[in-house]
Amino acid sequence: MITAERSLELAKKFGGSEKNSGSVEVQVAILTERIKNLTPHFEKNKKDHAGMRGLMKMIGQRRSLLKYLGRIDQGRYSKLIKELELRK
C-alpha cells in the first residue's frame, strides 16, 4: 500500500510540485511504487489469482503510459526509465 505522503513525494520529484499528480511521469512513478510493493505478496501467495489480475492491470496501464510518453517526448521517456530503473 502506498501512503498519501509517498504519493506527494513522488509527485514533487517527478512532476515538479505536489499538486501535479496528473502528469505521465508521476502516474508511472506511483504505479511503479505500487507494483514494487505488491511483488513480495505474490511471491508468497502464488494462488492469489484475483490479486494477480489487478497487478497485471497495473503493469498494462504503466506500459501504455510509457508507450504514450515515448511517442510524445523521447527525452522525458529515457530520463524516466533511467530514474525508475525499469529497463536494464
PDB file of N, CA and C in Angstrom:
ATOM      1  N   MET A   1       0.851  -1.185   0.000  1.00  0.00           N
ATOM      2  CA  MET A   1       0.000   0.000   0.000  1.00  0.00           C
ATOM      3  C   MET A   1       0.887   1.234   0.000  1.00  0.00           C
ATOM      4  N   ILE A   2       0.568   2.157  -0.849  1.00  0.00           N
ATOM      5  CA  ILE A   2       1.338   3.396  -0.943  1.00  0.00           C
ATOM      6  C   ILE A   2       0.610   4.480  -0.147  1.00  0.00           C
ATOM      7  N   THR A   3       1.358   5.209   0.679  1.00  0.00           N
ATOM      8  CA  THR A   3       0.750   6.228   1.526  1.00  0.00           C
ATOM      9  C   THR A   3       0.570   7.530   0.755  1.00  0.00           C
ATOM     10  N   ALA A   4      -0.253   8.390   1.300  1.00  0.00           N
ATOM     11  CA  ALA A   4      -0.501   9.688   0.674  1.00  0.00           C
ATOM     12  C   ALA A   4       0.772  10.533   0.682  1.00  0.00           C
ATOM     13  N   GLU A   5       1.550  10.415   1.760  1.00  0.00           N
ATOM     14  CA  GLU A   5       2.800  11.167   1.833  1.00  0.00           C
ATOM     15  C   GLU A   5       3.765  10.726   0.741  1.00  0.00           C
ATOM     16  N   ARG A   6       3.842   9.409   0.519  1.00  0.00           N
ATOM     17  CA  ARG A   6       4.735   8.888  -0.516  1.00  0.00           C
ATOM     18  C   ARG A   6       4.267   9.348  -1.897  1.00  0.00           C
ATOM     19  N   SER A   7       2.957   9.388  -2.122  1.00  0.00           N
ATOM     20  CA  SER A   7       2.424   9.878  -3.392  1.00  0.00           C
ATOM     21  C   SER A   7       2.806  11.333  -3.622  1.00  0.00           C
ATOM     22  N   LEU A   8       2.724  12.143  -2.559  1.00  0.00           N
ATOM     23  CA  LEU A   8       3.098  13.550  -2.680  1.00  0.00           C
ATOM     24  C   LEU A   8       4.595  13.692  -2.958  1.00  0.00           C
ATOM     25  N   GLU A   9       5.416  12.844  -2.316  1.00  0.00           N
ATOM     26  CA  GLU A   9       6.860  12.858  -2.582  1.00  0.00           C
ATOM     27  C   GLU A   9       7.139  12.575  -4.060  1.00  0.00           C
ATOM     28  N   LEU A  10       6.492  11.523  -4.573  1.00  0.00           N
ATOM     29  CA  LEU A  10       6.698  11.157  -5.977  1.00  0.00           C
ATOM     30  C   LEU A  10       6.213  12.250  -6.914  1.00  0.00           C
ATOM     31  N   ALA A  11       5.082  12.882  -6.555  1.00  0.00           N
ATOM     32  CA  ALA A  11       4.561  13.973  -7.393  1.00  0.00           C
ATOM     33  C   ALA A  11       5.538  15.135  -7.412  1.00  0.00           C
ATOM     34  N   LYS A  12       6.125  15.435  -6.255  1.00  0.00           N
ATOM     35  CA  LYS A  12       7.074  16.548  -6.194  1.00  0.00           C
ATOM     36  C   LYS A  12       8.351  16.215  -6.962  1.00  0.00           C
ATOM     37  N   LYS A  13       8.813  14.975  -6.846  1.00  0.00           N
ATOM     38  CA  LYS A  13      10.060  14.579  -7.501  1.00  0.00           C
ATOM     39  C   LYS A  13       9.911  14.514  -9.021  1.00  0.00           C
ATOM     40  N   PHE A  14       8.830  13.889  -9.496  1.00  0.00           N
ATOM     41  CA  PHE A  14       8.683  13.655 -10.927  1.00  0.00           C
ATOM     42  C   PHE A  14       7.807  14.685 -11.630  1.00  0.00           C
ATOM     43  N   GLY A  15       6.978  15.415 -10.881  1.00  0.00           N
ATOM     44  CA  GLY A  15       6.070  16.360 -11.517  1.00  0.00           C
ATOM     45  C   GLY A  15       6.411  17.818 -11.288  1.00  0.00           C
ATOM     46  N   GLY A  16       7.346  18.077 -10.388  1.00  0.00           N
ATOM     47  CA  GLY A  16       7.732  19.456 -10.134  1.00  0.00           C
ATOM     48  C   GLY A  16       7.057  20.061  -8.922  1.00  0.00           C
ATOM     49  N   SER A  17       5.817  19.705  -8.660  1.00  0.00           N
ATOM     50  CA  SER A  17       5.122  20.193  -7.468  1.00  0.00           C
ATOM     51  C   SER A  17       4.219  19.086  -6.940  1.00  0.00           C
ATOM     52  N   GLU A  18       3.774  19.263  -5.702  1.00  0.00           N
ATOM     53  CA  GLU A  18       2.927  18.251  -5.073  1.00  0.00           C
ATOM     54  C   GLU A  18       1.549  18.170  -5.727  1.00  0.00           C
ATOM     55  N   LYS A  19       1.123  19.238  -6.363  1.00  0.00           N
ATOM     56  CA  LYS A  19      -0.208  19.269  -6.971  1.00  0.00           C
ATOM     57  C   LYS A  19      -0.242  18.674  -8.373  1.00  0.00           C
ATOM     58  N   ASN A  20       0.916  18.393  -8.948  1.00  0.00           N
ATOM     59  CA  ASN A  20       0.982  17.883 -10.314  1.00  0.00           C
ATOM     60  C   ASN A  20       0.969  16.356 -10.313  1.00  0.00           C
ATOM     61  N   SER A  21      -0.145  15.793  -9.898  1.00  0.00           N
ATOM     62  CA  SER A  21      -0.232  14.337  -9.818  1.00  0.00           C
ATOM     63  C   SER A  21      -0.754  13.713 -11.109  1.00  0.00           C
ATOM     64  N   GLY A  22      -1.131  14.533 -12.072  1.00  0.00           N
ATOM     65  CA  GLY A  22      -1.706  14.010 -13.298  1.00  0.00           C
ATOM     66  C   GLY A  22      -0.727  13.810 -14.432  1.00  0.00           C
ATOM     67  N   SER A  23       0.506  14.288 -14.271  1.00  0.00           N
ATOM     68  CA  SER A  23       1.457  14.146 -15.369  1.00  0.00           C
ATOM     69  C   SER A  23       1.820  12.675 -15.559  1.00  0.00           C
ATOM     70  N   VAL A  24       2.232  12.350 -16.745  1.00  0.00           N
ATOM     71  CA  VAL A  24       2.523  10.958 -17.089  1.00  0.00           C
ATOM     72  C   VAL A  24       3.643  10.412 -16.203  1.00  0.00           C
ATOM     73  N   GLU A  25       4.677  11.228 -15.959  1.00  0.00           N
ATOM     74  CA  GLU A  25       5.799  10.774 -15.156  1.00  0.00           C
ATOM     75  C   GLU A  25       5.365  10.401 -13.743  1.00  0.00           C
ATOM     76  N   VAL A  26       4.504  11.230 -13.152  1.00  0.00           N
ATOM     77  CA  VAL A  26       4.034  10.963 -11.789  1.00  0.00           C
ATOM     78  C   VAL A  26       3.171   9.710 -11.761  1.00  0.00           C
ATOM     79  N   GLN A  27       2.296   9.561 -12.735  1.00  0.00           N
ATOM     80  CA  GLN A  27       1.443   8.384 -12.778  1.00  0.00           C
ATOM     81  C   GLN A  27       2.269   7.112 -12.902  1.00  0.00           C
ATOM     82  N   VAL A  28       3.295   7.129 -13.749  1.00  0.00           N
ATOM     83  CA  VAL A  28       4.160   5.962 -13.925  1.00  0.00           C
ATOM     84  C   VAL A  28       4.930   5.687 -12.639  1.00  0.00           C
ATOM     85  N   ALA A  29       5.421   6.733 -11.980  1.00  0.00           N
ATOM     86  CA  ALA A  29       6.180   6.552 -10.740  1.00  0.00           C
ATOM     87  C   ALA A  29       5.310   5.937  -9.642  1.00  0.00           C
ATOM     88  N   ILE A  30       4.079   6.397  -9.522  1.00  0.00           N
ATOM     89  CA  ILE A  30       3.174   5.861  -8.498  1.00  0.00           C
ATOM     90  C   ILE A  30       2.820   4.411  -8.817  1.00  0.00           C
ATOM     91  N   LEU A  31       2.531   4.118 -10.081  1.00  0.00           N
ATOM     92  CA  LEU A  31       2.243   2.734 -10.457  1.00  0.00           C
ATOM     93  C   LEU A  31       3.442   1.826 -10.190  1.00  0.00           C
ATOM     94  N   THR A  32       4.641   2.304 -10.480  1.00  0.00           N
ATOM     95  CA  THR A  32       5.846   1.518 -10.241  1.00  0.00           C
ATOM     96  C   THR A  32       6.011   1.237  -8.760  1.00  0.00           C
ATOM     97  N   GLU A  33       5.755   2.229  -7.925  1.00  0.00           N
ATOM     98  CA  GLU A  33       5.850   2.048  -6.475  1.00  0.00           C
ATOM     99  C   GLU A  33       4.843   1.005  -5.990  1.00  0.00           C
ATOM    100  N   ARG A  34       3.613   1.077  -6.499  1.00  0.00           N
ATOM    101  CA  ARG A  34       2.591   0.108  -6.105  1.00  0.00           C
ATOM    102  C   ARG A  34       2.964  -1.304  -6.561  1.00  0.00           C
ATOM    103  N   ILE A  35       3.506  -1.416  -7.763  1.00  0.00           N
ATOM    104  CA  ILE A  35       3.906  -2.727  -8.287  1.00  0.00           C
ATOM    105  C   ILE A  35       5.035  -3.306  -7.445  1.00  0.00           C
ATOM    106  N   LYS A  36       6.019  -2.477  -7.092  1.00  0.00           N
ATOM    107  CA  LYS A  36       7.131  -2.953  -6.273  1.00  0.00           C
ATOM    108  C   LYS A  36       6.668  -3.400  -4.893  1.00  0.00           C
ATOM    109  N   ASN A  37       5.658  -2.708  -4.340  1.00  0.00           N
ATOM    110  CA  ASN A  37       5.146  -3.091  -3.026  1.00  0.00           C
ATOM    111  C   ASN A  37       4.356  -4.391  -3.073  1.00  0.00           C
ATOM    112  N   LEU A  38       3.698  -4.683  -4.191  1.00  0.00           N
ATOM    113  CA  LEU A  38       2.871  -5.888  -4.293  1.00  0.00           C
ATOM    114  C   LEU A  38       3.652  -7.139  -4.662  1.00  0.00           C
ATOM    115  N   THR A  39       4.812  -6.995  -5.270  1.00  0.00           N
ATOM    116  CA  THR A  39       5.568  -8.138  -5.765  1.00  0.00           C
ATOM    117  C   THR A  39       5.884  -9.172  -4.680  1.00  0.00           C
ATOM    118  N   PRO A  40       6.345  -8.777  -3.471  1.00  0.00           N
ATOM    119  CA  PRO A  40       6.629  -9.797  -2.446  1.00  0.00           C
ATOM    120  C   PRO A  40       5.385 -10.581  -2.023  1.00  0.00           C
ATOM    121  N   HIS A  41       4.216  -9.943  -2.051  1.00  0.00           N
ATOM    122  CA  HIS A  41       2.979 -10.637  -1.699  1.00  0.00           C
ATOM    123  C   HIS A  41       2.731 -11.823  -2.639  1.00  0.00           C
ATOM    124  N   PHE A  42       2.981 -11.607  -3.919  1.00  0.00           N
ATOM    125  CA  PHE A  42       2.701 -12.659  -4.894  1.00  0.00           C
ATOM    126  C   PHE A  42       3.783 -13.728  -4.921  1.00  0.00           C
ATOM    127  N   GLU A  43       4.962 -13.417  -4.388  1.00  0.00           N
ATOM    128  CA  GLU A  43       5.975 -14.460  -4.248  1.00  0.00           C
ATOM    129  C   GLU A  43       5.569 -15.436  -3.157  1.00  0.00           C
ATOM    130  N   LYS A  44       4.903 -14.933  -2.110  1.00  0.00           N
ATOM    131  CA  LYS A  44       4.440 -15.796  -1.017  1.00  0.00           C
ATOM    132  C   LYS A  44       3.112 -16.468  -1.334  1.00  0.00           C
ATOM    133  N   ASN A  45       2.212 -15.748  -1.976  1.00  0.00           N
ATOM    134  CA  ASN A  45       0.849 -16.227  -2.222  1.00  0.00           C
ATOM    135  C   ASN A  45       0.660 -16.497  -3.706  1.00  0.00           C
ATOM    136  N   LYS A  46       1.152 -17.610  -4.153  1.00  0.00           N
ATOM    137  CA  LYS A  46       1.140 -17.935  -5.572  1.00  0.00           C
ATOM    138  C   LYS A  46      -0.265 -18.188  -6.120  1.00  0.00           C
ATOM    139  N   LYS A  47      -1.213 -18.516  -5.254  1.00  0.00           N
ATOM    140  CA  LYS A  47      -2.558 -18.840  -5.728  1.00  0.00           C
ATOM    141  C   LYS A  47      -3.533 -17.668  -5.636  1.00  0.00           C
ATOM    142  N   ASP A  48      -3.049 -16.489  -5.380  1.00  0.00           N
ATOM    143  CA  ASP A  48      -3.894 -15.297  -5.320  1.00  0.00           C
ATOM    144  C   ASP A  48      -4.100 -14.773  -6.751  1.00  0.00           C
ATOM    145  N   HIS A  49      -4.943 -15.469  -7.487  1.00  0.00           N
ATOM    146  CA  HIS A  49      -5.129 -15.135  -8.900  1.00  0.00           C
ATOM    147  C   HIS A  49      -5.916 -13.837  -9.099  1.00  0.00           C
ATOM    148  N   ALA A  50      -6.845 -13.543  -8.203  1.00  0.00           N
ATOM    149  CA  ALA A  50      -7.611 -12.305  -8.324  1.00  0.00           C
ATOM    150  C   ALA A  50      -6.703 -11.097  -8.112  1.00  0.00           C
ATOM    151  N   GLY A  51      -5.836 -11.188  -7.128  1.00  0.00           N
ATOM    152  CA  GLY A  51      -4.888 -10.110  -6.892  1.00  0.00           C
ATOM    153  C   GLY A  51      -3.886  -9.981  -8.022  1.00  0.00           C
ATOM    154  N   MET A  52      -3.496 -11.115  -8.581  1.00  0.00           N
ATOM    155  CA  MET A  52      -2.547 -11.105  -9.695  1.00  0.00           C
ATOM    156  C   MET A  52      -3.147 -10.397 -10.905  1.00  0.00           C
ATOM    157  N   ARG A  53      -4.453 -10.543 -11.089  1.00  0.00           N
ATOM    158  CA  ARG A  53      -5.117  -9.862 -12.194  1.00  0.00           C
ATOM    159  C   ARG A  53      -5.011  -8.352 -12.030  1.00  0.00           C
ATOM    160  N   GLY A  54      -5.204  -7.870 -10.802  1.00  0.00           N
ATOM    161  CA  GLY A  54      -5.056  -6.438 -10.537  1.00  0.00           C
ATOM    162  C   GLY A  54      -3.641  -5.958 -10.795  1.00  0.00           C
ATOM    163  N   LEU A  55      -2.670  -6.781 -10.403  1.00  0.00           N
ATOM    164  CA  LEU A  55      -1.271  -6.429 -10.658  1.00  0.00           C
ATOM    165  C   LEU A  55      -1.000  -6.349 -12.155  1.00  0.00           C
ATOM    166  N   MET A  56      -1.521  -7.296 -12.902  1.00  0.00           N
ATOM    167  CA  MET A  56      -1.319  -7.292 -14.359  1.00  0.00           C
ATOM    168  C   MET A  56      -1.982  -6.079 -15.003  1.00  0.00           C
ATOM    169  N   LYS A  57      -3.134  -5.646 -14.471  1.00  0.00           N
ATOM    170  CA  LYS A  57      -3.787  -4.448 -14.993  1.00  0.00           C
ATOM    171  C   LYS A  57      -2.926  -3.215 -14.737  1.00  0.00           C
ATOM    172  N   MET A  58      -2.305  -3.151 -13.549  1.00  0.00           N
ATOM    173  CA  MET A  58      -1.419  -2.024 -13.243  1.00  0.00           C
ATOM    174  C   MET A  58      -0.212  -2.019 -14.173  1.00  0.00           C
ATOM    175  N   ILE A  59       0.353  -3.191 -14.419  1.00  0.00           N
ATOM    176  CA  ILE A  59       1.504  -3.296 -15.313  1.00  0.00           C
ATOM    177  C   ILE A  59       1.121  -2.863 -16.724  1.00  0.00           C
ATOM    178  N   GLY A  60      -0.054  -3.270 -17.175  1.00  0.00           N
ATOM    179  CA  GLY A  60      -0.526  -2.878 -18.502  1.00  0.00           C
ATOM    180  C   GLY A  60      -0.768  -1.387 -18.605  1.00  0.00           C
ATOM    181  N   GLN A  61      -1.305  -0.803 -17.548  1.00  0.00           N
ATOM    182  CA  GLN A  61      -1.552   0.638 -17.557  1.00  0.00           C
ATOM    183  C   GLN A  61      -0.223   1.393 -17.590  1.00  0.00           C
ATOM    184  N   ARG A  62       0.749   0.923 -16.810  1.00  0.00           N
ATOM    185  CA  ARG A  62       2.068   1.559 -16.815  1.00  0.00           C
ATOM    186  C   ARG A  62       2.718   1.435 -18.187  1.00  0.00           C
ATOM    187  N   ARG A  63       2.561   0.280 -18.809  1.00  0.00           N
ATOM    188  CA  ARG A  63       3.135   0.068 -20.135  1.00  0.00           C
ATOM    189  C   ARG A  63       2.532   1.019 -21.152  1.00  0.00           C
ATOM    190  N   SER A  64       1.210   1.208 -21.099  1.00  0.00           N
ATOM    191  CA  SER A  64       0.576   2.096 -22.077  1.00  0.00           C
ATOM    192  C   SER A  64       0.959   3.550 -21.824  1.00  0.00           C
ATOM    193  N   LEU A  65       1.109   3.953 -20.557  1.00  0.00           N
ATOM    194  CA  LEU A  65       1.555   5.310 -20.268  1.00  0.00           C
ATOM    195  C   LEU A  65       2.981   5.536 -20.759  1.00  0.00           C
ATOM    196  N   LEU A  66       3.853   4.536 -20.570  1.00  0.00           N
ATOM    197  CA  LEU A  66       5.231   4.655 -21.047  1.00  0.00           C
ATOM    198  C   LEU A  66       5.281   4.703 -22.570  1.00  0.00           C
ATOM    199  N   LYS A  67       4.425   3.926 -23.210  1.00  0.00           N
ATOM    200  CA  LYS A  67       4.357   3.929 -24.673  1.00  0.00           C
ATOM    201  C   LYS A  67       3.936   5.309 -25.177  1.00  0.00           C
ATOM    202  N   TYR A  68       2.948   5.893 -24.526  1.00  0.00           N
ATOM    203  CA  TYR A  68       2.486   7.236 -24.869  1.00  0.00           C
ATOM    204  C   TYR A  68       3.611   8.254 -24.702  1.00  0.00           C
ATOM    205  N   LEU A  69       4.302   8.199 -23.558  1.00  0.00           N
ATOM    206  CA  LEU A  69       5.380   9.142 -23.297  1.00  0.00           C
ATOM    207  C   LEU A  69       6.506   8.982 -24.307  1.00  0.00           C
ATOM    208  N   GLY A  70       6.799   7.750 -24.706  1.00  0.00           N
ATOM    209  CA  GLY A  70       7.831   7.510 -25.707  1.00  0.00           C
ATOM    210  C   GLY A  70       7.476   8.112 -27.046  1.00  0.00           C
ATOM    211  N   ARG A  71       6.187   8.096 -27.397  1.00  0.00           N
ATOM    212  CA  ARG A  71       5.742   8.696 -28.656  1.00  0.00           C
ATOM    213  C   ARG A  71       5.814  10.215 -28.592  1.00  0.00           C
ATOM    214  N   ILE A  72       5.423  10.795 -27.464  1.00  0.00           N
ATOM    215  CA  ILE A  72       5.321  12.242 -27.329  1.00  0.00           C
ATOM    216  C   ILE A  72       6.696  12.904 -27.155  1.00  0.00           C
ATOM    217  N   ASP A  73       7.505  12.369 -26.216  1.00  0.00           N
ATOM    218  CA  ASP A  73       8.784  13.016 -25.897  1.00  0.00           C
ATOM    219  C   ASP A  73       9.802  11.948 -25.490  1.00  0.00           C
ATOM    220  N   GLN A  74      10.688  11.614 -26.399  1.00  0.00           N
ATOM    221  CA  GLN A  74      11.660  10.538 -26.169  1.00  0.00           C
ATOM    222  C   GLN A  74      12.638  10.881 -25.046  1.00  0.00           C
ATOM    223  N   GLY A  75      12.976  12.138 -24.883  1.00  0.00           N
ATOM    224  CA  GLY A  75      13.905  12.554 -23.836  1.00  0.00           C
ATOM    225  C   GLY A  75      13.338  12.323 -22.445  1.00  0.00           C
ATOM    226  N   ARG A  76      12.090  12.747 -22.237  1.00  0.00           N
ATOM    227  CA  ARG A  76      11.431  12.530 -20.939  1.00  0.00           C
ATOM    228  C   ARG A  76      11.271  11.041 -20.668  1.00  0.00           C
ATOM    229  N   TYR A  77      10.974  10.277 -21.722  1.00  0.00           N
ATOM    230  CA  TYR A  77      10.827   8.828 -21.592  1.00  0.00           C
ATOM    231  C   TYR A  77      12.133   8.196 -21.108  1.00  0.00           C
ATOM    232  N   SER A  78      13.235   8.542 -21.752  1.00  0.00           N
ATOM    233  CA  SER A  78      14.533   7.980 -21.394  1.00  0.00           C
ATOM    234  C   SER A  78      14.934   8.349 -19.971  1.00  0.00           C
ATOM    235  N   LYS A  79      14.688   9.611 -19.603  1.00  0.00           N
ATOM    236  CA  LYS A  79      15.022  10.067 -18.251  1.00  0.00           C
ATOM    237  C   LYS A  79      14.212   9.311 -17.201  1.00  0.00           C
ATOM    238  N   LEU A  80      12.925   9.109 -17.464  1.00  0.00           N
ATOM    239  CA  LEU A  80      12.055   8.413 -16.511  1.00  0.00           C
ATOM    240  C   LEU A  80      12.465   6.953 -16.358  1.00  0.00           C
ATOM    241  N   ILE A  81      12.763   6.294 -17.455  1.00  0.00           N
ATOM    242  CA  ILE A  81      13.193   4.898 -17.413  1.00  0.00           C
ATOM    243  C   ILE A  81      14.461   4.757 -16.581  1.00  0.00           C
ATOM    244  N   LYS A  82      15.384   5.697 -16.775  1.00  0.00           N
ATOM    245  CA  LYS A  82      16.646   5.657 -16.043  1.00  0.00           C
ATOM    246  C   LYS A  82      16.440   5.888 -14.557  1.00  0.00           C
ATOM    247  N   GLU A  83      15.602   6.878 -14.198  1.00  0.00           N
ATOM    248  CA  GLU A  83      15.380   7.205 -12.786  1.00  0.00           C
ATOM    249  C   GLU A  83      14.638   6.104 -12.045  1.00  0.00           C
ATOM    250  N   LEU A  84      13.687   5.460 -12.715  1.00  0.00           N
ATOM    251  CA  LEU A  84      12.915   4.396 -12.056  1.00  0.00           C
ATOM    252  C   LEU A  84      13.574   3.018 -12.185  1.00  0.00           C
ATOM    253  N   GLU A  85      14.650   2.957 -12.965  1.00  0.00           N
ATOM    254  CA  GLU A  85      15.389   1.706 -13.180  1.00  0.00           C
ATOM    255  C   GLU A  85      14.459   0.594 -13.662  1.00  0.00           C
ATOM    256  N   LEU A  86      13.675   0.904 -14.716  1.00  0.00           N
ATOM    257  CA  LEU A  86      12.715  -0.068 -15.211  1.00  0.00           C
ATOM    258  C   LEU A  86      13.327  -1.044 -16.190  1.00  0.00           C
ATOM    259  N   ARG A  87      14.128  -0.558 -17.119  1.00  0.00           N
ATOM    260  CA  ARG A  87      14.750  -1.444 -18.108  1.00  0.00           C
ATOM    261  C   ARG A  87      16.246  -1.374 -17.950  1.00  0.00           C
ATOM    262  N   LYS A  88      16.873  -2.532 -18.021  1.00  0.00           N
ATOM    263  CA  LYS A  88      18.329  -2.553 -17.839  1.00  0.00           C
ATOM    264  C   LYS A  88      19.023  -3.082 -19.041  1.00  0.00           C
TER     265      LYS A  88
END
